[in-house]
PDB file of N, CA and C in Angstrom:
ATOM      1  N   UNK A   1     -95.662-120.711  67.317  1.00  0.00           N
ATOM      2  CA  UNK A   1     -94.410-120.908  66.623  1.00  0.00           C
ATOM      3  C   UNK A   1     -93.271-120.775  67.627  1.00  0.00           C
ATOM      4  N   UNK A   2     -92.198-121.505  67.359  1.00  0.00           N
ATOM      5  CA  UNK A   2     -91.006-121.497  68.197  1.00  0.00           C
ATOM      6  C   UNK A   2     -89.795-121.260  67.315  1.00  0.00           C
ATOM      7  N   UNK A   3     -88.900-120.376  67.740  1.00  0.00           N
ATOM      8  CA  UNK A   3     -87.649-120.138  67.026  1.00  0.00           C
ATOM      9  C   UNK A   3     -86.484-120.628  67.856  1.00  0.00           C
ATOM     10  N   UNK A   4     -85.532-121.251  67.202  1.00  0.00           N
ATOM     11  CA  UNK A   4     -84.238-121.553  67.806  1.00  0.00           C
ATOM     12  C   UNK A   4     -83.226-120.714  67.044  1.00  0.00           C
ATOM     13  N   UNK A   5     -82.563-119.804  67.752  1.00  0.00           N
ATOM     14  CA  UNK A   5     -81.602-118.898  67.134  1.00  0.00           C
ATOM     15  C   UNK A   5     -80.224-119.250  67.672  1.00  0.00           C
ATOM     16  N   UNK A   6     -79.365-119.752  66.786  1.00  0.00           N
ATOM     17  CA  UNK A   6     -77.992-120.088  67.163  1.00  0.00           C
ATOM     18  C   UNK A   6     -77.074-118.989  66.652  1.00  0.00           C
ATOM     19  N   UNK A   7     -76.168-118.552  67.495  1.00  0.00           N
ATOM     20  CA  UNK A   7     -75.200-117.540  67.093  1.00  0.00           C
ATOM     21  C   UNK A   7     -73.798-118.060  67.363  1.00  0.00           C
ATOM     22  N   UNK A   8     -72.872-117.677  66.497  1.00  0.00           N
ATOM     23  CA  UNK A   8     -71.466-118.003  66.723  1.00  0.00           C
ATOM     24  C   UNK A   8     -70.597-117.064  65.902  1.00  0.00           C
ATOM     25  N   UNK A   9     -69.352-116.925  66.332  1.00  0.00           N
ATOM     26  CA  UNK A   9     -68.391-116.083  65.628  1.00  0.00           C
ATOM     27  C   UNK A   9     -67.166-116.926  65.284  1.00  0.00           C
ATOM     28  N   UNK A  10     -66.708-116.821  64.056  1.00  0.00           N
ATOM     29  CA  UNK A  10     -65.560-117.582  63.568  1.00  0.00           C
ATOM     30  C   UNK A  10     -64.283-116.901  64.064  1.00  0.00           C
ATOM     31  N   UNK A  11     -63.400-117.681  64.695  1.00  0.00           N
ATOM     32  CA  UNK A  11     -62.167-117.131  65.257  1.00  0.00           C
ATOM     33  C   UNK A  11     -61.031-117.111  64.239  1.00  0.00           C
ATOM     34  N   UNK A  12     -61.009-118.094  63.350  1.00  0.00           N
ATOM     35  CA  UNK A  12     -59.949-118.113  62.344  1.00  0.00           C
ATOM     36  C   UNK A  12     -60.504-117.608  61.015  1.00  0.00           C
ATOM     37  N   UNK A  13     -59.727-117.664  59.985  1.00  0.00           N
ATOM     38  CA  UNK A  13     -60.067-117.020  58.714  1.00  0.00           C
ATOM     39  C   UNK A  13     -60.917-117.934  57.825  1.00  0.00           C
ATOM     40  N   UNK A  14     -62.026-118.477  58.371  1.00  0.00           N
ATOM     41  CA  UNK A  14     -62.813-119.460  57.628  1.00  0.00           C
ATOM     42  C   UNK A  14     -64.275-119.063  57.462  1.00  0.00           C
ATOM     43  N   UNK A  15     -64.589-117.786  57.566  1.00  0.00           N
ATOM     44  CA  UNK A  15     -65.985-117.346  57.428  1.00  0.00           C
ATOM     45  C   UNK A  15     -66.552-117.687  56.057  1.00  0.00           C
ATOM     46  N   UNK A  16     -65.743-117.547  55.013  1.00  0.00           N
ATOM     47  CA  UNK A  16     -66.216-117.873  53.661  1.00  0.00           C
ATOM     48  C   UNK A  16     -66.533-119.359  53.543  1.00  0.00           C
ATOM     49  N   UNK A  17     -65.730-120.210  54.183  1.00  0.00           N
ATOM     50  CA  UNK A  17     -65.982-121.661  54.154  1.00  0.00           C
ATOM     51  C   UNK A  17     -67.249-122.013  54.916  1.00  0.00           C
ATOM     52  N   UNK A  18     -67.505-121.314  56.016  1.00  0.00           N
ATOM     53  CA  UNK A  18     -68.738-121.546  56.779  1.00  0.00           C
ATOM     54  C   UNK A  18     -69.944-121.164  55.931  1.00  0.00           C
ATOM     55  N   UNK A  19     -69.868-120.025  55.273  1.00  0.00           N
ATOM     56  CA  UNK A  19     -70.963-119.601  54.401  1.00  0.00           C
ATOM     57  C   UNK A  19     -71.195-120.624  53.292  1.00  0.00           C
ATOM     58  N   UNK A  20     -70.126-121.104  52.678  1.00  0.00           N
ATOM     59  CA  UNK A  20     -70.246-122.111  51.612  1.00  0.00           C
ATOM     60  C   UNK A  20     -70.865-123.405  52.146  1.00  0.00           C
ATOM     61  N   UNK A  21     -70.512-123.783  53.367  1.00  0.00           N
ATOM     62  CA  UNK A  21     -71.069-125.009  53.962  1.00  0.00           C
ATOM     63  C   UNK A  21     -72.575-124.870  54.169  1.00  0.00           C
ATOM     64  N   UNK A  22     -73.024-123.708  54.603  1.00  0.00           N
ATOM     65  CA  UNK A  22     -74.463-123.504  54.754  1.00  0.00           C
ATOM     66  C   UNK A  22     -75.161-123.548  53.393  1.00  0.00           C
ATOM     67  N   UNK A  23     -74.559-122.950  52.384  1.00  0.00           N
ATOM     68  CA  UNK A  23     -75.167-122.959  51.048  1.00  0.00           C
ATOM     69  C   UNK A  23     -75.250-124.373  50.473  1.00  0.00           C
ATOM     70  N   UNK A  24     -74.317-125.242  50.868  1.00  0.00           N
ATOM     71  CA  UNK A  24     -74.282-126.624  50.369  1.00  0.00           C
ATOM     72  C   UNK A  24     -74.868-127.611  51.377  1.00  0.00           C
ATOM     73  N   UNK A  25     -75.590-127.120  52.350  1.00  0.00           N
ATOM     74  CA  UNK A  25     -76.101-127.992  53.418  1.00  0.00           C
ATOM     75  C   UNK A  25     -76.940-129.136  52.857  1.00  0.00           C
ATOM     76  N   UNK A  26     -76.971-130.273  53.572  1.00  0.00           N
ATOM     77  CA  UNK A  26     -77.684-131.452  53.060  1.00  0.00           C
ATOM     78  C   UNK A  26     -79.210-131.403  53.200  1.00  0.00           C
ATOM     79  N   UNK A  27     -79.756-130.364  53.794  1.00  0.00           N
ATOM     80  CA  UNK A  27     -81.221-130.184  53.924  1.00  0.00           C
ATOM     81  C   UNK A  27     -81.878-131.298  54.737  1.00  0.00           C
ATOM     82  N   UNK A  28     -81.147-131.903  55.675  1.00  0.00           N
ATOM     83  CA  UNK A  28     -81.716-132.989  56.472  1.00  0.00           C
ATOM     84  C   UNK A  28     -82.839-132.514  57.384  1.00  0.00           C
ATOM     85  N   UNK A  29     -82.783-131.281  57.826  1.00  0.00           N
ATOM     86  CA  UNK A  29     -83.812-130.771  58.725  1.00  0.00           C
ATOM     87  C   UNK A  29     -85.127-130.506  57.994  1.00  0.00           C
ATOM     88  N   UNK A  30     -85.071-130.331  56.702  1.00  0.00           N
ATOM     89  CA  UNK A  30     -86.249-129.893  55.950  1.00  0.00           C
ATOM     90  C   UNK A  30     -87.472-130.798  56.116  1.00  0.00           C
ATOM     91  N   UNK A  31     -87.254-132.080  56.330  1.00  0.00           N
ATOM     92  CA  UNK A  31     -88.366-133.025  56.470  1.00  0.00           C
ATOM     93  C   UNK A  31     -88.660-133.399  57.923  1.00  0.00           C
ATOM     94  N   UNK A  32     -87.999-132.728  58.864  1.00  0.00           N
ATOM     95  CA  UNK A  32     -88.231-133.027  60.283  1.00  0.00           C
ATOM     96  C   UNK A  32     -89.644-132.609  60.672  1.00  0.00           C
ATOM     97  N   UNK A  33     -90.347-133.450  61.436  1.00  0.00           N
ATOM     98  CA  UNK A  33     -91.690-133.073  61.888  1.00  0.00           C
ATOM     99  C   UNK A  33     -91.661-131.756  62.654  1.00  0.00           C
ATOM    100  N   UNK A  34     -92.535-130.843  62.290  1.00  0.00           N
ATOM    101  CA  UNK A  34     -92.636-129.566  62.966  1.00  0.00           C
ATOM    102  C   UNK A  34     -91.728-128.481  62.418  1.00  0.00           C
ATOM    103  N   UNK A  35     -90.832-128.815  61.491  1.00  0.00           N
ATOM    104  CA  UNK A  35     -89.923-127.821  60.928  1.00  0.00           C
ATOM    105  C   UNK A  35     -90.673-126.936  59.944  1.00  0.00           C
ATOM    106  N   UNK A  36     -90.501-125.615  60.081  1.00  0.00           N
ATOM    107  CA  UNK A  36     -91.184-124.655  59.211  1.00  0.00           C
ATOM    108  C   UNK A  36     -90.234-123.903  58.282  1.00  0.00           C
ATOM    109  N   UNK A  37     -88.978-123.792  58.646  1.00  0.00           N
ATOM    110  CA  UNK A  37     -88.058-123.073  57.778  1.00  0.00           C
ATOM    111  C   UNK A  37     -86.779-122.690  58.487  1.00  0.00           C
ATOM    112  N   UNK A  38     -85.793-122.257  57.686  1.00  0.00           N
ATOM    113  CA  UNK A  38     -84.493-121.897  58.217  1.00  0.00           C
ATOM    114  C   UNK A  38     -83.921-120.725  57.440  1.00  0.00           C
ATOM    115  N   UNK A  39     -83.237-119.857  58.138  1.00  0.00           N
ATOM    116  CA  UNK A  39     -82.508-118.754  57.528  1.00  0.00           C
ATOM    117  C   UNK A  39     -81.139-118.672  58.196  1.00  0.00           C
ATOM    118  N   UNK A  40     -80.134-118.334  57.425  1.00  0.00           N
ATOM    119  CA  UNK A  40     -78.800-118.108  57.963  1.00  0.00           C
ATOM    120  C   UNK A  40     -78.416-116.675  57.622  1.00  0.00           C
ATOM    121  N   UNK A  41     -77.972-115.946  58.625  1.00  0.00           N
ATOM    122  CA  UNK A  41     -77.605-114.544  58.483  1.00  0.00           C
ATOM    123  C   UNK A  41     -76.132-114.391  58.822  1.00  0.00           C
ATOM    124  N   UNK A  42     -75.482-113.454  58.152  1.00  0.00           N
ATOM    125  CA  UNK A  42     -74.081-113.165  58.428  1.00  0.00           C
ATOM    126  C   UNK A  42     -73.963-111.666  58.680  1.00  0.00           C
ATOM    127  N   UNK A  43     -73.190-111.295  59.700  1.00  0.00           N
ATOM    128  CA  UNK A  43     -73.045-109.900  60.061  1.00  0.00           C
ATOM    129  C   UNK A  43     -72.457-109.050  58.942  1.00  0.00           C
ATOM    130  N   UNK A  44     -72.996-107.869  58.758  1.00  0.00           N
ATOM    131  CA  UNK A  44     -72.452-106.911  57.800  1.00  0.00           C
ATOM    132  C   UNK A  44     -71.264-106.196  58.444  1.00  0.00           C
ATOM    133  N   UNK A  45     -71.475-105.670  59.643  1.00  0.00           N
ATOM    134  CA  UNK A  45     -70.406-104.992  60.365  1.00  0.00           C
ATOM    135  C   UNK A  45     -69.494-105.967  61.098  1.00  0.00           C
ATOM    136  N   UNK A  46     -69.983-107.186  61.307  1.00  0.00           N
ATOM    137  CA  UNK A  46     -69.209-108.240  61.971  1.00  0.00           C
ATOM    138  C   UNK A  46     -69.299-109.501  61.108  1.00  0.00           C
ATOM    139  N   UNK A  47     -68.559-109.552  59.997  1.00  0.00           N
ATOM    140  CA  UNK A  47     -68.724-110.648  59.037  1.00  0.00           C
ATOM    141  C   UNK A  47     -68.298-112.021  59.546  1.00  0.00           C
ATOM    142  N   UNK A  48     -67.681-112.077  60.693  1.00  0.00           N
ATOM    143  CA  UNK A  48     -67.323-113.386  61.271  1.00  0.00           C
ATOM    144  C   UNK A  48     -68.446-113.948  62.138  1.00  0.00           C
ATOM    145  N   UNK A  49     -69.520-113.173  62.319  1.00  0.00           N
ATOM    146  CA  UNK A  49     -70.634-113.596  63.162  1.00  0.00           C
ATOM    147  C   UNK A  49     -71.779-114.112  62.298  1.00  0.00           C
ATOM    148  N   UNK A  50     -72.322-115.260  62.694  1.00  0.00           N
ATOM    149  CA  UNK A  50     -73.425-115.914  61.984  1.00  0.00           C
ATOM    150  C   UNK A  50     -74.601-116.101  62.932  1.00  0.00           C
ATOM    151  N   UNK A  51     -75.800-116.010  62.365  1.00  0.00           N
ATOM    152  CA  UNK A  51     -77.041-116.303  63.082  1.00  0.00           C
ATOM    153  C   UNK A  51     -77.783-117.360  62.271  1.00  0.00           C
ATOM    154  N   UNK A  52     -78.100-118.454  62.895  1.00  0.00           N
ATOM    155  CA  UNK A  52     -78.886-119.522  62.281  1.00  0.00           C
ATOM    156  C   UNK A  52     -80.252-119.501  62.953  1.00  0.00           C
ATOM    157  N   UNK A  53     -81.290-119.232  62.178  1.00  0.00           N
ATOM    158  CA  UNK A  53     -82.647-119.114  62.709  1.00  0.00           C
ATOM    159  C   UNK A  53     -83.485-120.244  62.125  1.00  0.00           C
ATOM    160  N   UNK A  54     -83.992-121.115  62.993  1.00  0.00           N
ATOM    161  CA  UNK A  54     -84.898-122.172  62.536  1.00  0.00           C
ATOM    162  C   UNK A  54     -86.264-121.936  63.175  1.00  0.00           C
ATOM    163  N   UNK A  55     -87.310-122.148  62.371  1.00  0.00           N
ATOM    164  CA  UNK A  55     -88.695-121.964  62.820  1.00  0.00           C
ATOM    165  C   UNK A  55     -89.353-123.339  62.947  1.00  0.00           C
ATOM    166  N   UNK A  56     -90.074-123.510  64.029  1.00  0.00           N
ATOM    167  CA  UNK A  56     -90.716-124.784  64.353  1.00  0.00           C
ATOM    168  C   UNK A  56     -92.150-124.544  64.793  1.00  0.00           C
ATOM    169  N   UNK A  57     -92.981-125.569  64.646  1.00  0.00           N
ATOM    170  CA  UNK A  57     -94.358-125.439  65.126  1.00  0.00           C
ATOM    171  C   UNK A  57     -94.386-125.331  66.643  1.00  0.00           C
ATOM    172  N   UNK A  58     -93.438-126.002  67.319  1.00  0.00           N
ATOM    173  CA  UNK A  58     -93.381-125.963  68.775  1.00  0.00           C
ATOM    174  C   UNK A  58     -91.984-126.367  69.248  1.00  0.00           C
ATOM    175  N   UNK A  59     -91.715-126.104  70.497  1.00  0.00           N
ATOM    176  CA  UNK A  59     -90.399-126.400  71.072  1.00  0.00           C
ATOM    177  C   UNK A  59     -90.098-127.890  71.063  1.00  0.00           C
ATOM    178  N   UNK A  60     -91.102-128.702  71.308  1.00  0.00           N
ATOM    179  CA  UNK A  60     -90.899-130.151  71.356  1.00  0.00           C
ATOM    180  C   UNK A  60     -90.346-130.673  70.026  1.00  0.00           C
ATOM    181  N   UNK A  61     -90.861-130.172  68.921  1.00  0.00           N
ATOM    182  CA  UNK A  61     -90.366-130.595  67.605  1.00  0.00           C
ATOM    183  C   UNK A  61     -88.882-130.274  67.462  1.00  0.00           C
ATOM    184  N   UNK A  62     -88.494-129.075  67.878  1.00  0.00           N
ATOM    185  CA  UNK A  62     -87.088-128.687  67.824  1.00  0.00           C
ATOM    186  C   UNK A  62     -86.239-129.607  68.696  1.00  0.00           C
ATOM    187  N   UNK A  63     -86.690-129.879  69.900  1.00  0.00           N
ATOM    188  CA  UNK A  63     -85.906-130.699  70.829  1.00  0.00           C
ATOM    189  C   UNK A  63     -85.739-132.124  70.311  1.00  0.00           C
ATOM    190  N   UNK A  64     -86.786-132.686  69.702  1.00  0.00           N
ATOM    191  CA  UNK A  64     -86.671-134.029  69.108  1.00  0.00           C
ATOM    192  C   UNK A  64     -85.620-134.021  68.010  1.00  0.00           C
ATOM    193  N   UNK A  65     -85.661-133.006  67.133  1.00  0.00           N
ATOM    194  CA  UNK A  65     -84.659-132.883  66.065  1.00  0.00           C
ATOM    195  C   UNK A  65     -83.264-132.746  66.659  1.00  0.00           C
ATOM    196  N   UNK A  66     -83.121-131.881  67.648  1.00  0.00           N
ATOM    197  CA  UNK A  66     -81.815-131.577  68.229  1.00  0.00           C
ATOM    198  C   UNK A  66     -81.175-132.798  68.877  1.00  0.00           C
ATOM    199  N   UNK A  67     -81.978-133.712  69.387  1.00  0.00           N
ATOM    200  CA  UNK A  67     -81.462-134.933  70.023  1.00  0.00           C
ATOM    201  C   UNK A  67     -81.243-136.074  69.025  1.00  0.00           C
ATOM    202  N   UNK A  68     -81.677-135.905  67.800  1.00  0.00           N
ATOM    203  CA  UNK A  68     -81.698-137.003  66.847  1.00  0.00           C
ATOM    204  C   UNK A  68     -80.428-137.209  66.040  1.00  0.00           C
ATOM    205  N   UNK A  69     -80.387-138.338  65.371  1.00  0.00           N
ATOM    206  CA  UNK A  69     -79.253-138.727  64.530  1.00  0.00           C
ATOM    207  C   UNK A  69     -79.067-137.766  63.357  1.00  0.00           C
ATOM    208  N   UNK A  70     -80.145-137.332  62.736  1.00  0.00           N
ATOM    209  CA  UNK A  70     -80.048-136.440  61.581  1.00  0.00           C
ATOM    210  C   UNK A  70     -79.423-135.106  61.960  1.00  0.00           C
ATOM    211  N   UNK A  71     -79.675-134.650  63.188  1.00  0.00           N
ATOM    212  CA  UNK A  71     -79.047-133.407  63.653  1.00  0.00           C
ATOM    213  C   UNK A  71     -77.532-133.559  63.648  1.00  0.00           C
ATOM    214  N   UNK A  72     -77.044-134.649  64.224  1.00  0.00           N
ATOM    215  CA  UNK A  72     -75.592-134.877  64.261  1.00  0.00           C
ATOM    216  C   UNK A  72     -75.046-135.050  62.849  1.00  0.00           C
ATOM    217  N   UNK A  73     -75.770-135.765  62.011  1.00  0.00           N
ATOM    218  CA  UNK A  73     -75.335-135.985  60.629  1.00  0.00           C
ATOM    219  C   UNK A  73     -75.282-134.669  59.841  1.00  0.00           C
ATOM    220  N   UNK A  74     -76.201-133.767  60.131  1.00  0.00           N
ATOM    221  CA  UNK A  74     -76.230-132.496  59.404  1.00  0.00           C
ATOM    222  C   UNK A  74     -75.007-131.630  59.694  1.00  0.00           C
ATOM    223  N   UNK A  75     -74.320-131.905  60.783  1.00  0.00           N
ATOM    224  CA  UNK A  75     -73.145-131.123  61.150  1.00  0.00           C
ATOM    225  C   UNK A  75     -71.840-131.695  60.599  1.00  0.00           C
ATOM    226  N   UNK A  76     -71.919-132.764  59.831  1.00  0.00           N
ATOM    227  CA  UNK A  76     -70.705-133.349  59.254  1.00  0.00           C
ATOM    228  C   UNK A  76     -70.070-132.443  58.204  1.00  0.00           C
ATOM    229  N   UNK A  77     -70.827-131.484  57.684  1.00  0.00           N
ATOM    230  CA  UNK A  77     -70.305-130.569  56.678  1.00  0.00           C
ATOM    231  C   UNK A  77     -69.582-129.352  57.248  1.00  0.00           C
ATOM    232  N   UNK A  78     -69.419-129.319  58.572  1.00  0.00           N
ATOM    233  CA  UNK A  78     -68.682-128.211  59.184  1.00  0.00           C
ATOM    234  C   UNK A  78     -67.251-128.240  58.655  1.00  0.00           C
ATOM    235  N   UNK A  79     -66.752-127.114  58.167  1.00  0.00           N
ATOM    236  CA  UNK A  79     -65.402-127.099  57.593  1.00  0.00           C
ATOM    237  C   UNK A  79     -64.334-127.582  58.583  1.00  0.00           C
ATOM    238  N   UNK A  80     -63.464-128.435  58.111  1.00  0.00           N
ATOM    239  CA  UNK A  80     -62.364-128.947  58.945  1.00  0.00           C
ATOM    240  C   UNK A  80     -61.444-127.789  59.314  1.00  0.00           C
ATOM    241  N   UNK A  81     -61.035-127.745  60.567  1.00  0.00           N
ATOM    242  CA  UNK A  81     -60.147-126.699  61.047  1.00  0.00           C
ATOM    243  C   UNK A  81     -60.857-125.457  61.557  1.00  0.00           C
ATOM    244  N   UNK A  82     -62.195-125.431  61.484  1.00  0.00           N
ATOM    245  CA  UNK A  82     -62.949-124.269  61.945  1.00  0.00           C
ATOM    246  C   UNK A  82     -62.749-124.066  63.441  1.00  0.00           C
ATOM    247  N   UNK A  83     -62.503-122.834  63.816  1.00  0.00           N
ATOM    248  CA  UNK A  83     -62.403-122.481  65.225  1.00  0.00           C
ATOM    249  C   UNK A  83     -63.376-121.335  65.489  1.00  0.00           C
ATOM    250  N   UNK A  84     -64.083-121.430  66.605  1.00  0.00           N
ATOM    251  CA  UNK A  84     -65.039-120.393  66.990  1.00  0.00           C
ATOM    252  C   UNK A  84     -64.457-119.550  68.121  1.00  0.00           C
ATOM    253  N   UNK A  85     -64.881-118.292  68.175  1.00  0.00           N
ATOM    254  CA  UNK A  85     -64.475-117.444  69.283  1.00  0.00           C
ATOM    255  C   UNK A  85     -65.003-118.042  70.567  1.00  0.00           C
ATOM    256  N   UNK A  86     -64.166-118.110  71.556  1.00  0.00           N
ATOM    257  CA  UNK A  86     -64.543-118.690  72.847  1.00  0.00           C
ATOM    258  C   UNK A  86     -65.772-117.968  73.404  1.00  0.00           C
ATOM    259  N   UNK A  87     -66.774-118.748  73.772  1.00  0.00           N
ATOM    260  CA  UNK A  87     -67.990-118.204  74.365  1.00  0.00           C
ATOM    261  C   UNK A  87     -68.989-117.605  73.388  1.00  0.00           C
ATOM    262  N   UNK A  88     -68.680-117.660  72.095  1.00  0.00           N
ATOM    263  CA  UNK A  88     -69.598-117.022  71.133  1.00  0.00           C
ATOM    264  C   UNK A  88     -70.755-117.920  70.720  1.00  0.00           C
ATOM    265  N   UNK A  89     -70.612-119.231  70.842  1.00  0.00           N
ATOM    266  CA  UNK A  89     -71.657-120.155  70.398  1.00  0.00           C
ATOM    267  C   UNK A  89     -72.764-120.230  71.456  1.00  0.00           C
ATOM    268  N   UNK A  90     -73.958-119.839  71.024  1.00  0.00           N
ATOM    269  CA  UNK A  90     -75.114-119.856  71.926  1.00  0.00           C
ATOM    270  C   UNK A  90     -76.362-120.241  71.154  1.00  0.00           C
ATOM    271  N   UNK A  91     -77.297-120.849  71.854  1.00  0.00           N
ATOM    272  CA  UNK A  91     -78.611-121.140  71.282  1.00  0.00           C
ATOM    273  C   UNK A  91     -79.636-120.394  72.120  1.00  0.00           C
ATOM    274  N   UNK A  92     -80.470-119.625  71.451  1.00  0.00           N
ATOM    275  CA  UNK A  92     -81.508-118.851  72.111  1.00  0.00           C
ATOM    276  C   UNK A  92     -82.858-119.432  71.704  1.00  0.00           C
ATOM    277  N   UNK A  93     -83.690-119.712  72.675  1.00  0.00           N
ATOM    278  CA  UNK A  93     -85.050-120.160  72.407  1.00  0.00           C
ATOM    279  C   UNK A  93     -85.965-118.945  72.450  1.00  0.00           C
ATOM    280  N   UNK A  94     -86.746-118.748  71.396  1.00  0.00           N
ATOM    281  CA  UNK A  94     -87.565-117.549  71.270  1.00  0.00           C
ATOM    282  C   UNK A  94     -88.993-117.953  70.893  1.00  0.00           C
ATOM    283  N   UNK A  95     -89.961-117.308  71.497  1.00  0.00           N
ATOM    284  CA  UNK A  95     -91.350-117.540  71.104  1.00  0.00           C
ATOM    285  C   UNK A  95     -91.987-116.215  70.749  1.00  0.00           C
ATOM    286  N   UNK A  96     -92.923-116.267  69.827  1.00  0.00           N
ATOM    287  CA  UNK A  96     -93.606-115.061  69.359  1.00  0.00           C
ATOM    288  C   UNK A  96     -94.611-114.580  70.383  1.00  0.00           C
ATOM    289  N   UNK A  97     -94.631-113.299  70.609  1.00  0.00           N
ATOM    290  CA  UNK A  97     -95.596-112.695  71.532  1.00  0.00           C
ATOM    291  C   UNK A  97     -96.726-112.070  70.731  1.00  0.00           C
ATOM    292  N   UNK A  98     -96.406-111.359  69.673  1.00  0.00           N
ATOM    293  CA  UNK A  98     -97.442-110.753  68.849  1.00  0.00           C
ATOM    294  C   UNK A  98     -96.945-110.619  67.425  1.00  0.00           C
ATOM    295  N   UNK A  99     -97.850-110.292  66.549  1.00  0.00           N
ATOM    296  CA  UNK A  99     -97.524-110.140  65.133  1.00  0.00           C
ATOM    297  C   UNK A  99     -97.885-108.763  64.670  1.00  0.00           C
TER     298      UNK A  99
END
């Protein structure tokens, strides 16, 4: 299994809009080959920080999705005017070592 963990922090007062956008997401990734699931987390002590965790059968499946048209289309629901804290947006590639 392969995880892609994206983190970012909202710089302006739009955290609620970001949360709503995730709840209303178009589910385009759901049928991508190799996709196993997705979770979105929001900080309790840092409510402007979000973690997007996607699970894949392998890294190649994630990379194909990430380069594809549906990936770009899935981001059209990003709230207009959203600003992120400089340097906060990162993607971490993670693989399981043990269970």
